[in-house]
Amino acid sequence: MIVKGGKSSVLKRWNYARKFGLIKALAVMLVGSFMSLQANASEKITVFAAASLTDALSEIGKVFQQGTGTEVVFSFAGTGTLARQVEAGAPADIFVSADEAWMIYVQEKGAVNAATMRIIAGNDLVLIGSAEAAPLSLTAKAIAGRLGDGRLVMADPETVPAGRYAKAALEATGLWATVSGHLAPMDNVRVVLASVARGDAPLGIVYGSDAKVEPKVAVLAEFPEETHPKIRYPAAETVIASIQAAAFMEFLTGPKAQAIFRSKGFSGIE
């Protein structure tokens, strides 16, 4: 039998097969590398959370990353601002609200998975002043005397949970009429805290956890729990959440995270 092309033809075919095999192997390696990069890129959780949670969640995120290798990236701002961003499809895996009203809002908009929602912490509401200021009673005479011509700074009651809590507390204690002409609404409680710490305003209303992180302010009075809706922080996975989000949600209600919340001035879950 005569083989067309002879020995040189056989070598050509063998070399072609070898080259094709190398190209195929290279392609497999490239695909594998691309998939690996995708996997590594997804090993990050993005959390949109209320500004009052800044210190606690930042520490919790570090502890979670140390234990799992998964990075947690945070975006802190006023709850209303974040809720609208989540509604618009911002790339968040988890949304943590400072009240249940905004969580219900994003649920109704189809932006979060309602089945994943859980309460992760609680808080209280306090009146603050400069670190040197004396305590105050929650009476119209005492508050008016301390304010003088100054401002009472608080989160915006129209859009920010802390502002809604504050307005409810002021109304329940009969102080709303006294302070309504002195109000300076702010974007979030951390702006309120900074304003009092700088001395821009003699009085402010923030969460108890906020007052704890700023040495330049002092708690002058605490609003009784019955004067405002219960302060609770619900968290939920968004509808575009990565698979790693569930693990962080579980971690938030575990003993390590709850211990951090309590150390930062929050109340734990019930």
C-alpha atoms as a PDB file:
ATOM      1  CA  MET A   1       0.000   0.000   0.000  1.00  0.00           C
ATOM      2  CA  ILE A   2       1.269   3.433  -0.915  1.00  0.00           C
ATOM      3  CA  VAL A   3       0.596   6.286   1.564  1.00  0.00           C
ATOM      4  CA  LYS A   4       0.072   9.572  -0.186  1.00  0.00           C
ATOM      5  CA  GLY A   5       2.563  12.190   0.812  1.00  0.00           C
ATOM      6  CA  GLY A   6       4.913   9.676   2.395  1.00  0.00           C
ATOM      7  CA  LYS A   7       6.824  10.339   5.572  1.00  0.00           C
ATOM      8  CA  SER A   8       6.747  14.127   5.240  1.00  0.00           C
ATOM      9  CA  SER A   9       2.936  14.143   5.047  1.00  0.00           C
ATOM     10  CA  VAL A  10       2.639  12.024   8.198  1.00  0.00           C
ATOM     11  CA  LEU A  11       4.968  14.395  10.074  1.00  0.00           C
ATOM     12  CA  LYS A  12       2.935  17.378   8.937  1.00  0.00           C
ATOM     13  CA  ARG A  13      -0.253  15.792  10.221  1.00  0.00           C
ATOM     14  CA  TRP A  14       1.401  14.878  13.555  1.00  0.00           C
ATOM     15  CA  ASN A  15       2.784  18.403  13.986  1.00  0.00           C
ATOM     16  CA  TYR A  16      -0.656  19.849  13.231  1.00  0.00           C
ATOM     17  CA  ALA A  17      -2.287  17.596  15.793  1.00  0.00           C
ATOM     18  CA  ARG A  18       0.344  18.513  18.373  1.00  0.00           C
ATOM     19  CA  LYS A  19      -0.138  22.241  17.707  1.00  0.00           C
ATOM     20  CA  PHE A  20      -3.920  21.873  17.877  1.00  0.00           C
ATOM     21  CA  GLY A  21      -3.593  20.062  21.178  1.00  0.00           C
ATOM     22  CA  LEU A  22      -1.433  22.826  22.607  1.00  0.00           C
ATOM     23  CA  ILE A  23      -3.854  25.498  21.418  1.00  0.00           C
ATOM     24  CA  LYS A  24      -6.754  23.578  22.931  1.00  0.00           C
ATOM     25  CA  ALA A  25      -4.875  23.194  26.214  1.00  0.00           C
ATOM     26  CA  LEU A  26      -4.042  26.892  26.197  1.00  0.00           C
ATOM     27  CA  ALA A  27      -7.688  27.728  25.592  1.00  0.00           C
ATOM     28  CA  VAL A  28      -8.738  25.545  28.523  1.00  0.00           C
ATOM     29  CA  MET A  29      -6.150  27.265  30.720  1.00  0.00           C
ATOM     30  CA  LEU A  30      -7.399  30.710  29.684  1.00  0.00           C
ATOM     31  CA  VAL A  31     -11.019  29.780  30.351  1.00  0.00           C
ATOM     32  CA  GLY A  32     -10.027  28.364  33.720  1.00  0.00           C
ATOM     33  CA  SER A  33      -8.109  31.503  34.606  1.00  0.00           C
ATOM     34  CA  PHE A  34     -11.056  33.676  33.593  1.00  0.00           C
ATOM     35  CA  MET A  35     -13.439  31.623  35.727  1.00  0.00           C
ATOM     36  CA  SER A  36     -11.013  31.845  38.630  1.00  0.00           C
ATOM     37  CA  LEU A  37     -10.871  35.621  38.284  1.00  0.00           C
ATOM     38  CA  GLN A  38     -14.652  35.743  38.229  1.00  0.00           C
ATOM     39  CA  ALA A  39     -14.812  33.622  41.376  1.00  0.00           C
ATOM     40  CA  ASN A  40     -12.288  35.831  43.140  1.00  0.00           C
ATOM     41  CA  ALA A  41     -14.158  38.959  42.057  1.00  0.00           C
ATOM     42  CA  SER A  42     -17.389  37.549  43.499  1.00  0.00           C
ATOM     43  CA  GLU A  43     -15.742  36.812  46.853  1.00  0.00           C
ATOM     44  CA  LYS A  44     -16.704  40.275  48.015  1.00  0.00           C
ATOM     45  CA  ILE A  45     -19.887  41.393  49.699  1.00  0.00           C
ATOM     46  CA  THR A  46     -21.192  44.945  49.296  1.00  0.00           C
ATOM     47  CA  VAL A  47     -23.375  46.237  52.123  1.00  0.00           C
ATOM     48  CA  PHE A  48     -25.430  49.440  52.050  1.00  0.00           C
ATOM     49  CA  ALA A  49     -26.083  50.401  55.673  1.00  0.00           C
ATOM     50  CA  ALA A  50     -27.428  53.231  57.833  1.00  0.00           C
ATOM     51  CA  ALA A  51     -24.776  55.757  58.899  1.00  0.00           C
ATOM     52  CA  SER A  52     -25.289  55.005  62.598  1.00  0.00           C
ATOM     53  CA  LEU A  53     -23.919  51.508  62.007  1.00  0.00           C
ATOM     54  CA  THR A  54     -20.550  52.721  60.677  1.00  0.00           C
ATOM     55  CA  ASP A  55     -18.302  51.729  63.574  1.00  0.00           C
ATOM     56  CA  ALA A  56     -20.027  48.498  64.530  1.00  0.00           C
ATOM     57  CA  LEU A  57     -20.405  47.075  61.022  1.00  0.00           C
ATOM     58  CA  SER A  58     -16.885  48.089  59.996  1.00  0.00           C
ATOM     59  CA  GLU A  59     -15.483  46.022  62.862  1.00  0.00           C
ATOM     60  CA  ILE A  60     -17.880  43.154  62.202  1.00  0.00           C
ATOM     61  CA  GLY A  61     -16.825  43.130  58.545  1.00  0.00           C
ATOM     62  CA  LYS A  62     -13.162  42.813  59.501  1.00  0.00           C
ATOM     63  CA  VAL A  63     -13.857  39.896  61.835  1.00  0.00           C
ATOM     64  CA  PHE A  64     -15.918  38.170  59.132  1.00  0.00           C
ATOM     65  CA  GLN A  65     -13.160  38.622  56.547  1.00  0.00           C
ATOM     66  CA  GLN A  66     -10.532  37.241  58.931  1.00  0.00           C
ATOM     67  CA  GLY A  67     -12.603  34.128  59.463  1.00  0.00           C
ATOM     68  CA  THR A  68     -13.773  33.506  55.898  1.00  0.00           C
ATOM     69  CA  GLY A  69     -11.421  35.336  53.529  1.00  0.00           C
ATOM     70  CA  THR A  70     -14.415  37.133  52.018  1.00  0.00           C
ATOM     71  CA  GLU A  71     -14.067  40.917  51.873  1.00  0.00           C
ATOM     72  CA  VAL A  72     -16.983  43.068  53.029  1.00  0.00           C
ATOM     73  CA  VAL A  73     -17.270  46.543  51.489  1.00  0.00           C
ATOM     74  CA  PHE A  74     -19.606  49.109  53.050  1.00  0.00           C
ATOM     75  CA  SER A  75     -21.456  52.171  51.856  1.00  0.00           C
ATOM     76  CA  PHE A  76     -22.794  54.186  54.817  1.00  0.00           C
ATOM     77  CA  ALA A  77     -25.330  57.004  54.448  1.00  0.00           C
ATOM     78  CA  GLY A  78     -28.831  58.053  55.441  1.00  0.00           C
ATOM     79  CA  THR A  79     -31.250  55.147  55.167  1.00  0.00           C
ATOM     80  CA  GLY A  80     -33.595  56.941  52.772  1.00  0.00           C
ATOM     81  CA  THR A  81     -30.764  57.753  50.375  1.00  0.00           C
ATOM     82  CA  LEU A  82     -29.546  54.152  50.386  1.00  0.00           C
ATOM     83  CA  ALA A  83     -33.046  52.717  49.995  1.00  0.00           C
ATOM     84  CA  ARG A  84     -33.592  54.696  46.814  1.00  0.00           C
ATOM     85  CA  GLN A  85     -30.201  53.591  45.486  1.00  0.00           C
ATOM     86  CA  VAL A  86     -31.064  49.950  46.168  1.00  0.00           C
ATOM     87  CA  GLU A  87     -34.438  50.464  44.504  1.00  0.00           C
ATOM     88  CA  ALA A  88     -32.635  51.850  41.445  1.00  0.00           C
ATOM     89  CA  GLY A  89     -30.490  48.704  41.184  1.00  0.00           C
ATOM     90  CA  ALA A  90     -27.268  49.834  42.865  1.00  0.00           C
ATOM     91  CA  PRO A  91     -24.774  46.917  43.148  1.00  0.00           C
ATOM     92  CA  ALA A  92     -25.466  46.033  46.777  1.00  0.00           C
ATOM     93  CA  ASP A  93     -25.715  42.515  48.169  1.00  0.00           C
ATOM     94  CA  ILE A  94     -27.253  43.518  51.506  1.00  0.00           C
ATOM     95  CA  PHE A  95     -29.301  46.500  52.663  1.00  0.00           C
ATOM     96  CA  VAL A  96     -29.422  47.428  56.366  1.00  0.00           C
ATOM     97  CA  SER A  97     -32.027  49.998  57.359  1.00  0.00           C
ATOM     98  CA  ALA A  98     -32.326  52.066  60.529  1.00  0.00           C
ATOM     99  CA  ASP A  99     -36.065  51.429  60.610  1.00  0.00           C
ATOM    100  CA  GLU A 100     -38.636  48.999  59.317  1.00  0.00           C
ATOM    101  CA  ALA A 101     -40.488  51.583  57.210  1.00  0.00           C
ATOM    102  CA  TRP A 102     -37.680  51.888  54.645  1.00  0.00           C
ATOM    103  CA  MET A 103     -37.212  48.123  54.594  1.00  0.00           C
ATOM    104  CA  ILE A 104     -40.894  47.701  53.782  1.00  0.00           C
ATOM    105  CA  TYR A 105     -40.447  50.309  51.046  1.00  0.00           C
ATOM    106  CA  VAL A 106     -37.666  48.396  49.259  1.00  0.00           C
ATOM    107  CA  GLN A 107     -39.572  45.145  49.702  1.00  0.00           C
ATOM    108  CA  GLU A 108     -42.617  46.630  48.005  1.00  0.00           C
ATOM    109  CA  LYS A 109     -40.386  47.894  45.197  1.00  0.00           C
ATOM    110  CA  GLY A 110     -39.077  44.357  44.664  1.00  0.00           C
ATOM    111  CA  ALA A 111     -35.493  45.361  45.459  1.00  0.00           C
ATOM    112  CA  VAL A 112     -34.832  42.958  48.344  1.00  0.00           C
ATOM    113  CA  ASN A 113     -35.692  39.365  49.130  1.00  0.00           C
ATOM    114  CA  ALA A 114     -38.280  39.622  51.922  1.00  0.00           C
ATOM    115  CA  ALA A 115     -37.669  36.024  53.004  1.00  0.00           C
ATOM    116  CA  THR A 116     -34.113  36.924  54.066  1.00  0.00           C
ATOM    117  CA  MET A 117     -35.048  39.893  56.272  1.00  0.00           C
ATOM    118  CA  ARG A 118     -33.948  39.761  59.908  1.00  0.00           C
ATOM    119  CA  ILE A 119     -33.457  42.215  62.791  1.00  0.00           C
ATOM    120  CA  ILE A 120     -29.760  42.524  63.649  1.00  0.00           C
ATOM    121  CA  ALA A 121     -29.667  45.181  66.416  1.00  0.00           C
ATOM    122  CA  GLY A 122     -31.525  47.830  68.386  1.00  0.00           C
ATOM    123  CA  ASN A 123     -30.746  51.293  69.758  1.00  0.00           C
ATOM    124  CA  ASP A 124     -31.971  54.127  71.951  1.00  0.00           C
ATOM    125  CA  LEU A 125     -32.408  57.870  71.452  1.00  0.00           C
ATOM    126  CA  VAL A 126     -30.498  60.572  73.345  1.00  0.00           C
ATOM    127  CA  LEU A 127     -30.128  64.322  73.611  1.00  0.00           C
ATOM    128  CA  ILE A 128     -26.501  65.451  73.357  1.00  0.00           C
ATOM    129  CA  GLY A 129     -24.493  68.599  73.997  1.00  0.00           C
ATOM    130  CA  SER A 130     -20.837  69.494  74.397  1.00  0.00           C
ATOM    131  CA  ALA A 131     -18.710  67.297  76.649  1.00  0.00           C
ATOM    132  CA  GLU A 132     -18.643  70.031  79.317  1.00  0.00           C
ATOM    133  CA  ALA A 133     -22.424  70.600  79.303  1.00  0.00           C
ATOM    134  CA  ALA A 134     -24.514  69.717  82.357  1.00  0.00           C
ATOM    135  CA  PRO A 135     -27.343  67.159  82.109  1.00  0.00           C
ATOM    136  CA  LEU A 136     -30.823  68.431  81.213  1.00  0.00           C
ATOM    137  CA  SER A 137     -34.343  67.482  82.152  1.00  0.00           C
ATOM    138  CA  LEU A 138     -36.710  66.957  79.232  1.00  0.00           C
ATOM    139  CA  THR A 139     -38.844  69.988  80.014  1.00  0.00           C
ATOM    140  CA  ALA A 140     -39.694  72.967  77.842  1.00  0.00           C
ATOM    141  CA  LYS A 141     -38.096  75.424  80.273  1.00  0.00           C
ATOM    142  CA  ALA A 142     -34.802  73.515  80.496  1.00  0.00           C
ATOM    143  CA  ILE A 143     -34.502  72.917  76.752  1.00  0.00           C
ATOM    144  CA  ALA A 144     -35.433  76.498  75.819  1.00  0.00           C
ATOM    145  CA  GLY A 145     -32.939  77.850  78.340  1.00  0.00           C
ATOM    146  CA  ARG A 146     -30.109  75.751  76.937  1.00  0.00           C
ATOM    147  CA  LEU A 147     -30.952  76.476  73.302  1.00  0.00           C
ATOM    148  CA  GLY A 148     -31.189  80.252  73.616  1.00  0.00           C
ATOM    149  CA  ASP A 149     -30.833  81.512  70.045  1.00  0.00           C
ATOM    150  CA  GLY A 150     -29.045  78.321  68.995  1.00  0.00           C
ATOM    151  CA  ARG A 151     -30.218  75.347  66.966  1.00  0.00           C
ATOM    152  CA  LEU A 152     -31.348  71.864  67.829  1.00  0.00           C
ATOM    153  CA  VAL A 153     -29.776  69.609  65.205  1.00  0.00           C
ATOM    154  CA  MET A 154     -31.385  66.294  64.309  1.00  0.00           C
ATOM    155  CA  ALA A 155     -31.766  64.061  61.294  1.00  0.00           C
ATOM    156  CA  ASP A 156     -34.369  65.131  58.755  1.00  0.00           C
ATOM    157  CA  PRO A 157     -37.728  63.778  59.989  1.00  0.00           C
ATOM    158  CA  GLU A 158     -39.060  63.665  56.436  1.00  0.00           C
ATOM    159  CA  THR A 159     -36.580  61.093  55.145  1.00  0.00           C
ATOM    160  CA  VAL A 160     -34.279  59.800  57.892  1.00  0.00           C
ATOM    161  CA  PRO A 161     -35.379  57.239  60.517  1.00  0.00           C
ATOM    162  CA  ALA A 162     -33.464  58.977  63.329  1.00  0.00           C
ATOM    163  CA  GLY A 163     -35.342  62.164  62.493  1.00  0.00           C
ATOM    164  CA  ARG A 164     -38.684  60.395  62.630  1.00  0.00           C
ATOM    165  CA  TYR A 165     -37.812  58.853  65.978  1.00  0.00           C
ATOM    166  CA  ALA A 166     -36.665  62.253  67.256  1.00  0.00           C
ATOM    167  CA  LYS A 167     -39.838  64.044  66.145  1.00  0.00           C
ATOM    168  CA  ALA A 168     -42.005  61.381  67.764  1.00  0.00           C
ATOM    169  CA  ALA A 169     -40.036  61.693  71.022  1.00  0.00           C
ATOM    170  CA  LEU A 170     -40.263  65.492  71.020  1.00  0.00           C
ATOM    171  CA  GLU A 171     -43.999  65.351  70.429  1.00  0.00           C
ATOM    172  CA  ALA A 172     -44.527  62.715  73.121  1.00  0.00           C
ATOM    173  CA  THR A 173     -42.586  64.748  75.692  1.00  0.00           C
ATOM    174  CA  GLY A 174     -44.406  67.960  74.782  1.00  0.00           C
ATOM    175  CA  LEU A 175     -41.238  69.600  73.473  1.00  0.00           C
ATOM    176  CA  TRP A 176     -42.077  69.909  69.790  1.00  0.00           C
ATOM    177  CA  ALA A 177     -43.693  73.348  70.106  1.00  0.00           C
ATOM    178  CA  THR A 178     -40.658  74.594  72.045  1.00  0.00           C
ATOM    179  CA  VAL A 179     -38.006  73.419  69.563  1.00  0.00           C
ATOM    180  CA  SER A 180     -39.761  73.427  66.179  1.00  0.00           C
ATOM    181  CA  GLY A 181     -38.592  76.985  65.465  1.00  0.00           C
ATOM    182  CA  HIS A 182     -34.986  76.058  66.306  1.00  0.00           C
ATOM    183  CA  LEU A 183     -34.601  72.890  64.252  1.00  0.00           C
ATOM    184  CA  ALA A 184     -31.748  72.282  61.814  1.00  0.00           C
ATOM    185  CA  PRO A 185     -32.467  69.041  59.904  1.00  0.00           C
ATOM    186  CA  MET A 186     -29.410  67.048  58.762  1.00  0.00           C
ATOM    187  CA  ASP A 187     -28.764  64.251  56.255  1.00  0.00           C
ATOM    188  CA  ASN A 188     -27.952  61.634  58.906  1.00  0.00           C
ATOM    189  CA  VAL A 189     -27.042  61.195  62.576  1.00  0.00           C
ATOM    190  CA  ARG A 190     -23.295  61.323  61.957  1.00  0.00           C
ATOM    191  CA  VAL A 191     -23.654  64.835  60.528  1.00  0.00           C
ATOM    192  CA  VAL A 192     -25.678  65.756  63.615  1.00  0.00           C
ATOM    193  CA  LEU A 193     -22.977  64.296  65.856  1.00  0.00           C
ATOM    194  CA  ALA A 194     -20.213  66.227  64.080  1.00  0.00           C
ATOM    195  CA  SER A 195     -22.175  69.462  64.282  1.00  0.00           C
ATOM    196  CA  VAL A 196     -22.520  69.262  68.075  1.00  0.00           C
ATOM    197  CA  ALA A 197     -18.909  68.085  68.476  1.00  0.00           C
ATOM    198  CA  ARG A 198     -17.678  71.174  66.566  1.00  0.00           C
ATOM    199  CA  GLY A 199     -19.827  73.463  68.685  1.00  0.00           C
ATOM    200  CA  ASP A 200     -22.032  74.543  65.775  1.00  0.00           C
ATOM    201  CA  ALA A 201     -25.152  73.735  67.795  1.00  0.00           C
ATOM    202  CA  PRO A 202     -25.743  73.479  71.551  1.00  0.00           C
ATOM    203  CA  LEU A 203     -28.060  70.461  71.346  1.00  0.00           C
ATOM    204  CA  GLY A 204     -28.610  67.488  69.072  1.00  0.00           C
ATOM    205  CA  ILE A 205     -30.548  64.253  68.980  1.00  0.00           C
ATOM    206  CA  VAL A 206     -28.752  61.046  67.975  1.00  0.00           C
ATOM    207  CA  TYR A 207     -28.707  57.355  68.813  1.00  0.00           C
ATOM    208  CA  GLY A 208     -27.025  56.250  72.017  1.00  0.00           C
ATOM    209  CA  SER A 209     -24.422  54.356  69.988  1.00  0.00           C
ATOM    210  CA  ASP A 210     -23.437  57.557  68.136  1.00  0.00           C
ATOM    211  CA  ALA A 211     -22.827  59.487  71.336  1.00  0.00           C
ATOM    212  CA  LYS A 212     -20.532  56.727  72.537  1.00  0.00           C
ATOM    213  CA  VAL A 213     -18.020  57.179  69.692  1.00  0.00           C
ATOM    214  CA  GLU A 214     -17.523  60.943  70.011  1.00  0.00           C
ATOM    215  CA  PRO A 215     -15.565  62.155  73.087  1.00  0.00           C
ATOM    216  CA  LYS A 216     -16.437  65.800  72.390  1.00  0.00           C
ATOM    217  CA  VAL A 217     -20.115  65.273  73.194  1.00  0.00           C
ATOM    218  CA  ALA A 218     -22.017  64.159  76.287  1.00  0.00           C
ATOM    219  CA  VAL A 219     -25.434  62.571  76.741  1.00  0.00           C
ATOM    220  CA  LEU A 220     -27.558  65.187  78.495  1.00  0.00           C
ATOM    221  CA  ALA A 221     -30.798  63.175  78.605  1.00  0.00           C
ATOM    222  CA  GLU A 222     -32.268  59.909  77.344  1.00  0.00           C
ATOM    223  CA  PHE A 223     -35.671  59.769  75.716  1.00  0.00           C
ATOM    224  CA  PRO A 224     -37.835  57.065  77.327  1.00  0.00           C
ATOM    225  CA  GLU A 225     -38.532  54.068  75.085  1.00  0.00           C
ATOM    226  CA  GLU A 226     -42.264  54.715  75.169  1.00  0.00           C
ATOM    227  CA  THR A 227     -41.843  58.165  73.555  1.00  0.00           C
ATOM    228  CA  HIS A 228     -40.882  56.832  70.134  1.00  0.00           C
ATOM    229  CA  PRO A 229     -41.264  53.711  67.971  1.00  0.00           C
ATOM    230  CA  LYS A 230     -38.925  50.895  68.906  1.00  0.00           C
ATOM    231  CA  ILE A 231     -35.561  51.428  67.211  1.00  0.00           C
ATOM    232  CA  ARG A 232     -34.625  48.294  65.297  1.00  0.00           C
ATOM    233  CA  TYR A 233     -32.270  47.614  62.389  1.00  0.00           C
ATOM    234  CA  PRO A 234     -33.599  45.182  59.763  1.00  0.00           C
ATOM    235  CA  ALA A 235     -31.231  43.697  57.168  1.00  0.00           C
ATOM    236  CA  ALA A 236     -32.073  41.828  53.967  1.00  0.00           C
ATOM    237  CA  GLU A 237     -30.367  40.453  50.882  1.00  0.00           C
ATOM    238  CA  THR A 238     -31.059  42.336  47.669  1.00  0.00           C
ATOM    239  CA  VAL A 239     -32.487  40.539  44.663  1.00  0.00           C
ATOM    240  CA  ILE A 240     -29.039  40.691  43.011  1.00  0.00           C
ATOM    241  CA  ALA A 241     -27.145  39.412  46.062  1.00  0.00           C
ATOM    242  CA  SER A 242     -24.159  37.122  45.576  1.00  0.00           C
ATOM    243  CA  ILE A 243     -24.127  33.664  47.103  1.00  0.00           C
ATOM    244  CA  GLN A 244     -21.741  34.832  49.846  1.00  0.00           C
ATOM    245  CA  ALA A 245     -24.301  37.326  51.177  1.00  0.00           C
ATOM    246  CA  ALA A 246     -26.237  34.646  53.042  1.00  0.00           C
ATOM    247  CA  ALA A 247     -23.183  33.755  55.121  1.00  0.00           C
ATOM    248  CA  PHE A 248     -22.686  37.360  56.214  1.00  0.00           C
ATOM    249  CA  MET A 249     -26.387  37.708  57.040  1.00  0.00           C
ATOM    250  CA  GLU A 250     -26.090  34.668  59.269  1.00  0.00           C
ATOM    251  CA  PHE A 251     -22.936  36.071  60.866  1.00  0.00           C
ATOM    252  CA  LEU A 252     -24.710  39.324  61.771  1.00  0.00           C
ATOM    253  CA  THR A 253     -27.013  37.540  64.183  1.00  0.00           C
ATOM    254  CA  GLY A 254     -24.303  35.261  65.588  1.00  0.00           C
ATOM    255  CA  PRO A 255     -22.513  35.691  68.931  1.00  0.00           C
ATOM    256  CA  LYS A 256     -19.384  37.448  67.588  1.00  0.00           C
ATOM    257  CA  ALA A 257     -21.301  40.147  65.725  1.00  0.00           C
ATOM    258  CA  GLN A 258     -23.808  40.602  68.548  1.00  0.00           C
ATOM    259  CA  ALA A 259     -20.979  41.089  71.050  1.00  0.00           C
ATOM    260  CA  ILE A 260     -19.544  43.833  68.825  1.00  0.00           C
ATOM    261  CA  PHE A 261     -22.924  45.536  68.524  1.00  0.00           C
ATOM    262  CA  ARG A 262     -23.278  45.622  72.304  1.00  0.00           C
ATOM    263  CA  SER A 263     -19.738  46.943  72.770  1.00  0.00           C
ATOM    264  CA  LYS A 264     -20.599  49.833  70.441  1.00  0.00           C
ATOM    265  CA  GLY A 265     -23.693  50.853  72.377  1.00  0.00           C
ATOM    266  CA  PHE A 266     -26.386  48.960  70.473  1.00  0.00           C
ATOM    267  CA  SER A 267     -28.848  46.572  72.051  1.00  0.00           C
ATOM    268  CA  GLY A 268     -28.719  43.002  70.804  1.00  0.00           C
ATOM    269  CA  ILE A 269     -31.442  41.071  69.078  1.00  0.00           C
ATOM    270  CA  GLU A 270     -34.268  39.620  71.120  1.00  0.00           C
END
